[in-house]
Amino acid sequence: MTNNKKIKKQIIYRSTHRGSKEMDLLLGTFVKKNINKFKDSELQDLSDFILSEDEILYKLYFDQQSNDHSLNAKISKMLKNFKM
């Protein structure tokens, strides 16, 4: 297994096993549908993004908060525009 495949599997696992059923569903579905759109060099950004607190990601998705500048802007925009 190549290193990038391993990283992708880890990202998918972490996005679907967060401890909150709602975020498991939201973030897990988002990652599964979009992970192949990321260049290999962007996978670390995605990995860092999914480590953000559930509350921050939830508010970002439901437009209750503007983008937290500590979050990756491209991924934040993708999540905001994501439809389940």
PDB file of N, CA and C in Angstrom:
ATOM      1  N   MET A   1       0.856  -1.171   0.000  1.00  0.00           N
ATOM      2  CA  MET A   1       0.000   0.000   0.000  1.00  0.00           C
ATOM      3  C   MET A   1       0.906   1.239   0.000  1.00  0.00           C
ATOM      4  N   THR A   2       0.599   2.152  -0.891  1.00  0.00           N
ATOM      5  CA  THR A   2       1.406   3.373  -0.949  1.00  0.00           C
ATOM      6  C   THR A   2       1.110   4.250   0.263  1.00  0.00           C
ATOM      7  N   ASN A   3       2.017   5.146   0.536  1.00  0.00           N
ATOM      8  CA  ASN A   3       1.869   6.032   1.688  1.00  0.00           C
ATOM      9  C   ASN A   3       0.613   6.897   1.573  1.00  0.00           C
ATOM     10  N   ASN A   4       0.302   7.392   0.361  1.00  0.00           N
ATOM     11  CA  ASN A   4      -0.886   8.241   0.188  1.00  0.00           C
ATOM     12  C   ASN A   4      -2.175   7.458   0.398  1.00  0.00           C
ATOM     13  N   LYS A   5      -2.198   6.197  -0.023  1.00  0.00           N
ATOM     14  CA  LYS A   5      -3.387   5.375   0.222  1.00  0.00           C
ATOM     15  C   LYS A   5      -3.584   5.167   1.717  1.00  0.00           C
ATOM     16  N   LYS A   6      -2.483   4.964   2.413  1.00  0.00           N
ATOM     17  CA  LYS A   6      -2.546   4.781   3.864  1.00  0.00           C
ATOM     18  C   LYS A   6      -3.058   6.050   4.537  1.00  0.00           C
ATOM     19  N   ILE A   7      -2.555   7.191   4.108  1.00  0.00           N
ATOM     20  CA  ILE A   7      -2.992   8.474   4.669  1.00  0.00           C
ATOM     21  C   ILE A   7      -4.483   8.688   4.401  1.00  0.00           C
ATOM     22  N   LYS A   8      -4.932   8.390   3.185  1.00  0.00           N
ATOM     23  CA  LYS A   8      -6.352   8.544   2.850  1.00  0.00           C
ATOM     24  C   LYS A   8      -7.222   7.649   3.730  1.00  0.00           C
ATOM     25  N   LYS A   9      -6.795   6.414   3.947  1.00  0.00           N
ATOM     26  CA  LYS A   9      -7.557   5.502   4.803  1.00  0.00           C
ATOM     27  C   LYS A   9      -7.639   6.035   6.229  1.00  0.00           C
ATOM     28  N   GLN A  10      -6.533   6.602   6.718  1.00  0.00           N
ATOM     29  CA  GLN A  10      -6.526   7.166   8.067  1.00  0.00           C
ATOM     30  C   GLN A  10      -7.472   8.358   8.160  1.00  0.00           C
ATOM     31  N   ILE A  11      -7.460   9.210   7.144  1.00  0.00           N
ATOM     32  CA  ILE A  11      -8.340  10.385   7.136  1.00  0.00           C
ATOM     33  C   ILE A  11      -9.802   9.949   7.114  1.00  0.00           C
ATOM     34  N   ILE A  12     -10.125   8.983   6.280  1.00  0.00           N
ATOM     35  CA  ILE A  12     -11.504   8.488   6.208  1.00  0.00           C
ATOM     36  C   ILE A  12     -11.925   7.906   7.551  1.00  0.00           C
ATOM     37  N   TYR A  13     -11.056   7.114   8.142  1.00  0.00           N
ATOM     38  CA  TYR A  13     -11.386   6.513   9.439  1.00  0.00           C
ATOM     39  C   TYR A  13     -11.633   7.593  10.494  1.00  0.00           C
ATOM     40  N   ARG A  14     -10.725   8.553  10.586  1.00  0.00           N
ATOM     41  CA  ARG A  14     -10.864   9.603  11.603  1.00  0.00           C
ATOM     42  C   ARG A  14     -12.103  10.457  11.372  1.00  0.00           C
ATOM     43  N   SER A  15     -12.481  10.644  10.113  1.00  0.00           N
ATOM     44  CA  SER A  15     -13.656  11.479   9.825  1.00  0.00           C
ATOM     45  C   SER A  15     -14.966  10.757  10.124  1.00  0.00           C
ATOM     46  N   THR A  16     -14.931   9.443  10.197  1.00  0.00           N
ATOM     47  CA  THR A  16     -16.149   8.669  10.456  1.00  0.00           C
ATOM     48  C   THR A  16     -16.226   8.142  11.882  1.00  0.00           C
ATOM     49  N   HIS A  17     -15.198   8.376  12.667  1.00  0.00           N
ATOM     50  CA  HIS A  17     -15.159   7.905  14.057  1.00  0.00           C
ATOM     51  C   HIS A  17     -14.756   9.054  14.978  1.00  0.00           C
ATOM     52  N   ARG A  18     -15.614  10.043  15.072  1.00  0.00           N
ATOM     53  CA  ARG A  18     -15.302  11.244  15.854  1.00  0.00           C
ATOM     54  C   ARG A  18     -15.925  11.199  17.245  1.00  0.00           C
ATOM     55  N   GLY A  19     -16.904  10.341  17.451  1.00  0.00           N
ATOM     56  CA  GLY A  19     -17.557  10.256  18.756  1.00  0.00           C
ATOM     57  C   GLY A  19     -18.943  10.869  18.778  1.00  0.00           C
ATOM     58  N   SER A  20     -19.273  11.631  17.764  1.00  0.00           N
ATOM     59  CA  SER A  20     -20.592  12.244  17.634  1.00  0.00           C
ATOM     60  C   SER A  20     -21.212  11.715  16.344  1.00  0.00           C
ATOM     61  N   LYS A  21     -22.363  11.106  16.470  1.00  0.00           N
ATOM     62  CA  LYS A  21     -22.997  10.494  15.301  1.00  0.00           C
ATOM     63  C   LYS A  21     -23.248  11.514  14.185  1.00  0.00           C
ATOM     64  N   GLU A  22     -23.654  12.722  14.572  1.00  0.00           N
ATOM     65  CA  GLU A  22     -23.940  13.754  13.579  1.00  0.00           C
ATOM     66  C   GLU A  22     -22.684  14.133  12.797  1.00  0.00           C
ATOM     67  N   MET A  23     -21.575  14.351  13.517  1.00  0.00           N
ATOM     68  CA  MET A  23     -20.331  14.723  12.837  1.00  0.00           C
ATOM     69  C   MET A  23     -19.725  13.542  12.090  1.00  0.00           C
ATOM     70  N   ASP A  24     -19.900  12.326  12.613  1.00  0.00           N
ATOM     71  CA  ASP A  24     -19.446  11.140  11.877  1.00  0.00           C
ATOM     72  C   ASP A  24     -20.110  11.113  10.500  1.00  0.00           C
ATOM     73  N   LEU A  25     -21.404  11.370  10.491  1.00  0.00           N
ATOM     74  CA  LEU A  25     -22.159  11.348   9.239  1.00  0.00           C
ATOM     75  C   LEU A  25     -21.775  12.508   8.328  1.00  0.00           C
ATOM     76  N   LEU A  26     -21.776  13.720   8.864  1.00  0.00           N
ATOM     77  CA  LEU A  26     -21.473  14.901   8.052  1.00  0.00           C
ATOM     78  C   LEU A  26     -20.048  14.866   7.516  1.00  0.00           C
ATOM     79  N   LEU A  27     -19.088  14.781   8.413  1.00  0.00           N
ATOM     80  CA  LEU A  27     -17.690  14.854   7.996  1.00  0.00           C
ATOM     81  C   LEU A  27     -17.266  13.594   7.250  1.00  0.00           C
ATOM     82  N   GLY A  28     -17.772  12.439   7.687  1.00  0.00           N
ATOM     83  CA  GLY A  28     -17.438  11.194   7.004  1.00  0.00           C
ATOM     84  C   GLY A  28     -17.918  11.185   5.562  1.00  0.00           C
ATOM     85  N   THR A  29     -19.141  11.626   5.346  1.00  0.00           N
ATOM     86  CA  THR A  29     -19.690  11.685   3.989  1.00  0.00           C
ATOM     87  C   THR A  29     -18.931  12.702   3.150  1.00  0.00           C
ATOM     88  N   PHE A  30     -18.647  13.860   3.734  1.00  0.00           N
ATOM     89  CA  PHE A  30     -17.883  14.892   3.036  1.00  0.00           C
ATOM     90  C   PHE A  30     -16.524  14.354   2.591  1.00  0.00           C
ATOM     91  N   VAL A  31     -15.811  13.731   3.501  1.00  0.00           N
ATOM     92  CA  VAL A  31     -14.467  13.228   3.179  1.00  0.00           C
ATOM     93  C   VAL A  31     -14.538  12.127   2.126  1.00  0.00           C
ATOM     94  N   LYS A  32     -15.444  11.179   2.296  1.00  0.00           N
ATOM     95  CA  LYS A  32     -15.541  10.073   1.333  1.00  0.00           C
ATOM     96  C   LYS A  32     -15.842  10.575  -0.078  1.00  0.00           C
ATOM     97  N   LYS A  33     -16.682  11.587  -0.202  1.00  0.00           N
ATOM     98  CA  LYS A  33     -17.045  12.105  -1.523  1.00  0.00           C
ATOM     99  C   LYS A  33     -15.978  13.005  -2.130  1.00  0.00           C
ATOM    100  N   ASN A  34     -15.111  13.578  -1.303  1.00  0.00           N
ATOM    101  CA  ASN A  34     -14.168  14.578  -1.806  1.00  0.00           C
ATOM    102  C   ASN A  34     -12.697  14.222  -1.696  1.00  0.00           C
ATOM    103  N   ILE A  35     -12.343  13.160  -1.023  1.00  0.00           N
ATOM    104  CA  ILE A  35     -10.929  12.897  -0.738  1.00  0.00           C
ATOM    105  C   ILE A  35     -10.087  12.762  -2.003  1.00  0.00           C
ATOM    106  N   ASN A  36     -10.658  12.245  -3.064  1.00  0.00           N
ATOM    107  CA  ASN A  36      -9.887  12.076  -4.302  1.00  0.00           C
ATOM    108  C   ASN A  36      -9.728  13.372  -5.086  1.00  0.00           C
ATOM    109  N   LYS A  37     -10.376  14.434  -4.643  1.00  0.00           N
ATOM    110  CA  LYS A  37     -10.208  15.744  -5.275  1.00  0.00           C
ATOM    111  C   LYS A  37      -8.964  16.461  -4.754  1.00  0.00           C
ATOM    112  N   PHE A  38      -8.412  15.955  -3.666  1.00  0.00           N
ATOM    113  CA  PHE A  38      -7.244  16.584  -3.054  1.00  0.00           C
ATOM    114  C   PHE A  38      -5.966  16.041  -3.659  1.00  0.00           C
ATOM    115  N   LYS A  39      -5.060  16.954  -3.957  1.00  0.00           N
ATOM    116  CA  LYS A  39      -3.733  16.554  -4.417  1.00  0.00           C
ATOM    117  C   LYS A  39      -3.017  15.907  -3.241  1.00  0.00           C
ATOM    118  N   ASP A  40      -2.028  15.107  -3.557  1.00  0.00           N
ATOM    119  CA  ASP A  40      -1.261  14.454  -2.496  1.00  0.00           C
ATOM    120  C   ASP A  40      -0.697  15.466  -1.512  1.00  0.00           C
ATOM    121  N   SER A  41      -0.290  16.607  -2.024  1.00  0.00           N
ATOM    122  CA  SER A  41       0.297  17.647  -1.171  1.00  0.00           C
ATOM    123  C   SER A  41      -0.736  18.317  -0.262  1.00  0.00           C
ATOM    124  N   GLU A  42      -2.026  18.122  -0.530  1.00  0.00           N
ATOM    125  CA  GLU A  42      -3.087  18.752   0.265  1.00  0.00           C
ATOM    126  C   GLU A  42      -3.671  17.819   1.327  1.00  0.00           C
ATOM    127  N   LEU A  43      -3.244  16.566   1.313  1.00  0.00           N
ATOM    128  CA  LEU A  43      -3.817  15.605   2.254  1.00  0.00           C
ATOM    129  C   LEU A  43      -3.529  15.978   3.709  1.00  0.00           C
ATOM    130  N   GLN A  44      -2.377  16.544   3.974  1.00  0.00           N
ATOM    131  CA  GLN A  44      -2.073  16.961   5.346  1.00  0.00           C
ATOM    132  C   GLN A  44      -3.003  18.086   5.786  1.00  0.00           C
ATOM    133  N   ASP A  45      -3.348  18.984   4.863  1.00  0.00           N
ATOM    134  CA  ASP A  45      -4.303  20.055   5.181  1.00  0.00           C
ATOM    135  C   ASP A  45      -5.660  19.463   5.555  1.00  0.00           C
ATOM    136  N   LEU A  46      -6.097  18.459   4.801  1.00  0.00           N
ATOM    137  CA  LEU A  46      -7.368  17.802   5.093  1.00  0.00           C
ATOM    138  C   LEU A  46      -7.294  17.083   6.437  1.00  0.00           C
ATOM    139  N   SER A  47      -6.190  16.421   6.676  1.00  0.00           N
ATOM    140  CA  SER A  47      -5.993  15.726   7.948  1.00  0.00           C
ATOM    141  C   SER A  47      -6.061  16.702   9.120  1.00  0.00           C
ATOM    142  N   ASP A  48      -5.422  17.838   8.988  1.00  0.00           N
ATOM    143  CA  ASP A  48      -5.456  18.867  10.036  1.00  0.00           C
ATOM    144  C   ASP A  48      -6.868  19.432  10.202  1.00  0.00           C
ATOM    145  N   PHE A  49      -7.564  19.627   9.087  1.00  0.00           N
ATOM    146  CA  PHE A  49      -8.913  20.195   9.103  1.00  0.00           C
ATOM    147  C   PHE A  49      -9.865  19.315   9.902  1.00  0.00           C
ATOM    148  N   ILE A  50      -9.811  18.011   9.676  1.00  0.00           N
ATOM    149  CA  ILE A  50     -10.764  17.129  10.357  1.00  0.00           C
ATOM    150  C   ILE A  50     -10.460  16.970  11.840  1.00  0.00           C
ATOM    151  N   LEU A  51      -9.314  17.456  12.276  1.00  0.00           N
ATOM    152  CA  LEU A  51      -8.995  17.430  13.706  1.00  0.00           C
ATOM    153  C   LEU A  51      -9.592  18.621  14.450  1.00  0.00           C
ATOM    154  N   SER A  52     -10.225  19.526  13.713  1.00  0.00           N
ATOM    155  CA  SER A  52     -10.863  20.692  14.333  1.00  0.00           C
ATOM    156  C   SER A  52     -12.013  20.235  15.222  1.00  0.00           C
ATOM    157  N   GLU A  53     -12.363  21.073  16.170  1.00  0.00           N
ATOM    158  CA  GLU A  53     -13.448  20.740  17.091  1.00  0.00           C
ATOM    159  C   GLU A  53     -14.774  20.627  16.347  1.00  0.00           C
ATOM    160  N   ASP A  54     -15.598  19.690  16.795  1.00  0.00           N
ATOM    161  CA  ASP A  54     -16.901  19.463  16.177  1.00  0.00           C
ATOM    162  C   ASP A  54     -17.732  20.737  16.119  1.00  0.00           C
ATOM    163  N   GLU A  55     -17.740  21.487  17.203  1.00  0.00           N
ATOM    164  CA  GLU A  55     -18.554  22.707  17.266  1.00  0.00           C
ATOM    165  C   GLU A  55     -18.157  23.705  16.183  1.00  0.00           C
ATOM    166  N   ILE A  56     -16.876  23.863  15.948  1.00  0.00           N
ATOM    167  CA  ILE A  56     -16.391  24.792  14.922  1.00  0.00           C
ATOM    168  C   ILE A  56     -16.834  24.327  13.542  1.00  0.00           C
ATOM    169  N   LEU A  57     -16.668  23.046  13.253  1.00  0.00           N
ATOM    170  CA  LEU A  57     -17.042  22.513  11.937  1.00  0.00           C
ATOM    171  C   LEU A  57     -18.553  22.553  11.735  1.00  0.00           C
ATOM    172  N   TYR A  58     -19.299  22.239  12.778  1.00  0.00           N
ATOM    173  CA  TYR A  58     -20.755  22.264  12.704  1.00  0.00           C
ATOM    174  C   TYR A  58     -21.254  23.673  12.394  1.00  0.00           C
ATOM    175  N   LYS A  59     -20.740  24.660  13.125  1.00  0.00           N
ATOM    176  CA  LYS A  59     -21.151  26.048  12.892  1.00  0.00           C
ATOM    177  C   LYS A  59     -20.722  26.526  11.509  1.00  0.00           C
ATOM    178  N   LEU A  60     -19.566  26.105  11.071  1.00  0.00           N
ATOM    179  CA  LEU A  60     -19.097  26.470   9.738  1.00  0.00           C
ATOM    180  C   LEU A  60     -20.038  25.907   8.676  1.00  0.00           C
ATOM    181  N   TYR A  61     -20.399  24.641   8.803  1.00  0.00           N
ATOM    182  CA  TYR A  61     -21.272  23.991   7.822  1.00  0.00           C
ATOM    183  C   TYR A  61     -22.648  24.649   7.777  1.00  0.00           C
ATOM    184  N   PHE A  62     -23.194  24.961   8.933  1.00  0.00           N
ATOM    185  CA  PHE A  62     -24.539  25.533   8.987  1.00  0.00           C
ATOM    186  C   PHE A  62     -24.537  27.055   8.947  1.00  0.00           C
ATOM    187  N   ASP A  63     -23.413  27.628   8.542  1.00  0.00           N
ATOM    188  CA  ASP A  63     -23.286  29.072   8.327  1.00  0.00           C
ATOM    189  C   ASP A  63     -23.622  29.895   9.565  1.00  0.00           C
ATOM    190  N   GLN A  64     -23.328  29.367  10.727  1.00  0.00           N
ATOM    191  CA  GLN A  64     -23.564  30.096  11.965  1.00  0.00           C
ATOM    192  C   GLN A  64     -22.321  30.859  12.394  1.00  0.00           C
ATOM    193  N   GLN A  65     -21.265  30.692  11.637  1.00  0.00           N
ATOM    194  CA  GLN A  65     -20.000  31.334  11.987  1.00  0.00           C
ATOM    195  C   GLN A  65     -19.204  31.532  10.712  1.00  0.00           C
ATOM    196  N   SER A  66     -18.522  32.655  10.640  1.00  0.00           N
ATOM    197  CA  SER A  66     -17.655  32.862   9.489  1.00  0.00           C
ATOM    198  C   SER A  66     -16.442  31.957   9.629  1.00  0.00           C
ATOM    199  N   ASN A  67     -15.698  31.844   8.571  1.00  0.00           N
ATOM    200  CA  ASN A  67     -14.546  30.953   8.561  1.00  0.00           C
ATOM    201  C   ASN A  67     -13.547  31.315   9.648  1.00  0.00           C
ATOM    202  N   ASP A  68     -13.185  30.332  10.427  1.00  0.00           N
ATOM    203  CA  ASP A  68     -12.124  30.477  11.429  1.00  0.00           C
ATOM    204  C   ASP A  68     -10.814  30.538  10.650  1.00  0.00           C
ATOM    205  N   HIS A  69     -10.051  31.586  10.854  1.00  0.00           N
ATOM    206  CA  HIS A  69      -8.840  31.783  10.055  1.00  0.00           C
ATOM    207  C   HIS A  69      -7.786  30.715  10.284  1.00  0.00           C
ATOM    208  N   SER A  70      -7.946  29.924  11.333  1.00  0.00           N
ATOM    209  CA  SER A  70      -7.001  28.834  11.551  1.00  0.00           C
ATOM    210  C   SER A  70      -7.334  27.636  10.660  1.00  0.00           C
ATOM    211  N   LEU A  71      -8.521  27.651  10.050  1.00  0.00           N
ATOM    212  CA  LEU A  71      -8.921  26.558   9.168  1.00  0.00           C
ATOM    213  C   LEU A  71      -8.511  26.854   7.734  1.00  0.00           C
ATOM    214  N   ASN A  72      -8.256  25.809   6.992  1.00  0.00           N
ATOM    215  CA  ASN A  72      -7.899  25.928   5.587  1.00  0.00           C
ATOM    216  C   ASN A  72      -9.090  26.508   4.818  1.00  0.00           C
ATOM    217  N   ALA A  73      -8.877  27.607   4.103  1.00  0.00           N
ATOM    218  CA  ALA A  73      -9.963  28.315   3.407  1.00  0.00           C
ATOM    219  C   ALA A  73     -10.595  27.466   2.308  1.00  0.00           C
ATOM    220  N   LYS A  74      -9.784  26.754   1.537  1.00  0.00           N
ATOM    221  CA  LYS A  74     -10.309  25.933   0.442  1.00  0.00           C
ATOM    222  C   LYS A  74     -11.215  24.834   0.985  1.00  0.00           C
ATOM    223  N   ILE A  75     -10.764  24.147   2.015  1.00  0.00           N
ATOM    224  CA  ILE A  75     -11.547  23.049   2.575  1.00  0.00           C
ATOM    225  C   ILE A  75     -12.790  23.593   3.273  1.00  0.00           C
ATOM    226  N   SER A  76     -12.664  24.721   3.947  1.00  0.00           N
ATOM    227  CA  SER A  76     -13.821  25.350   4.594  1.00  0.00           C
ATOM    228  C   SER A  76     -14.897  25.673   3.568  1.00  0.00           C
ATOM    229  N   LYS A  77     -14.495  26.226   2.447  1.00  0.00           N
ATOM    230  CA  LYS A  77     -15.447  26.561   1.381  1.00  0.00           C
ATOM    231  C   LYS A  77     -16.096  25.296   0.827  1.00  0.00           C
ATOM    232  N   MET A  78     -15.300  24.254   0.647  1.00  0.00           N
ATOM    233  CA  MET A  78     -15.851  22.988   0.156  1.00  0.00           C
ATOM    234  C   MET A  78     -16.895  22.442   1.125  1.00  0.00           C
ATOM    235  N   LEU A  79     -16.605  22.500   2.425  1.00  0.00           N
ATOM    236  CA  LEU A  79     -17.551  21.996   3.421  1.00  0.00           C
ATOM    237  C   LEU A  79     -18.814  22.844   3.442  1.00  0.00           C
ATOM    238  N   LYS A  80     -18.675  24.168   3.382  1.00  0.00           N
ATOM    239  CA  LYS A  80     -19.848  25.050   3.366  1.00  0.00           C
ATOM    240  C   LYS A  80     -20.760  24.752   2.178  1.00  0.00           C
ATOM    241  N   ASN A  81     -20.177  24.426   1.032  1.00  0.00           N
ATOM    242  CA  ASN A  81     -20.943  24.174  -0.188  1.00  0.00           C
ATOM    243  C   ASN A  81     -21.382  22.722  -0.331  1.00  0.00           C
ATOM    244  N   PHE A  82     -20.991  21.877   0.589  1.00  0.00           N
ATOM    245  CA  PHE A  82     -21.289  20.450   0.515  1.00  0.00           C
ATOM    246  C   PHE A  82     -22.756  20.186   0.822  1.00  0.00           C
ATOM    247  N   LYS A  83     -23.382  19.381   0.002  1.00  0.00           N
ATOM    248  CA  LYS A  83     -24.770  18.968   0.209  1.00  0.00           C
ATOM    249  C   LYS A  83     -24.799  17.461   0.364  1.00  0.00           C
ATOM    250  N   MET A  84     -25.439  17.027   1.432  1.00  0.00           N
ATOM    251  CA  MET A  84     -25.492  15.583   1.706  1.00  0.00           C
ATOM    252  C   MET A  84     -26.542  14.900   0.875  1.00  0.00           C
TER     253      MET A  84
END
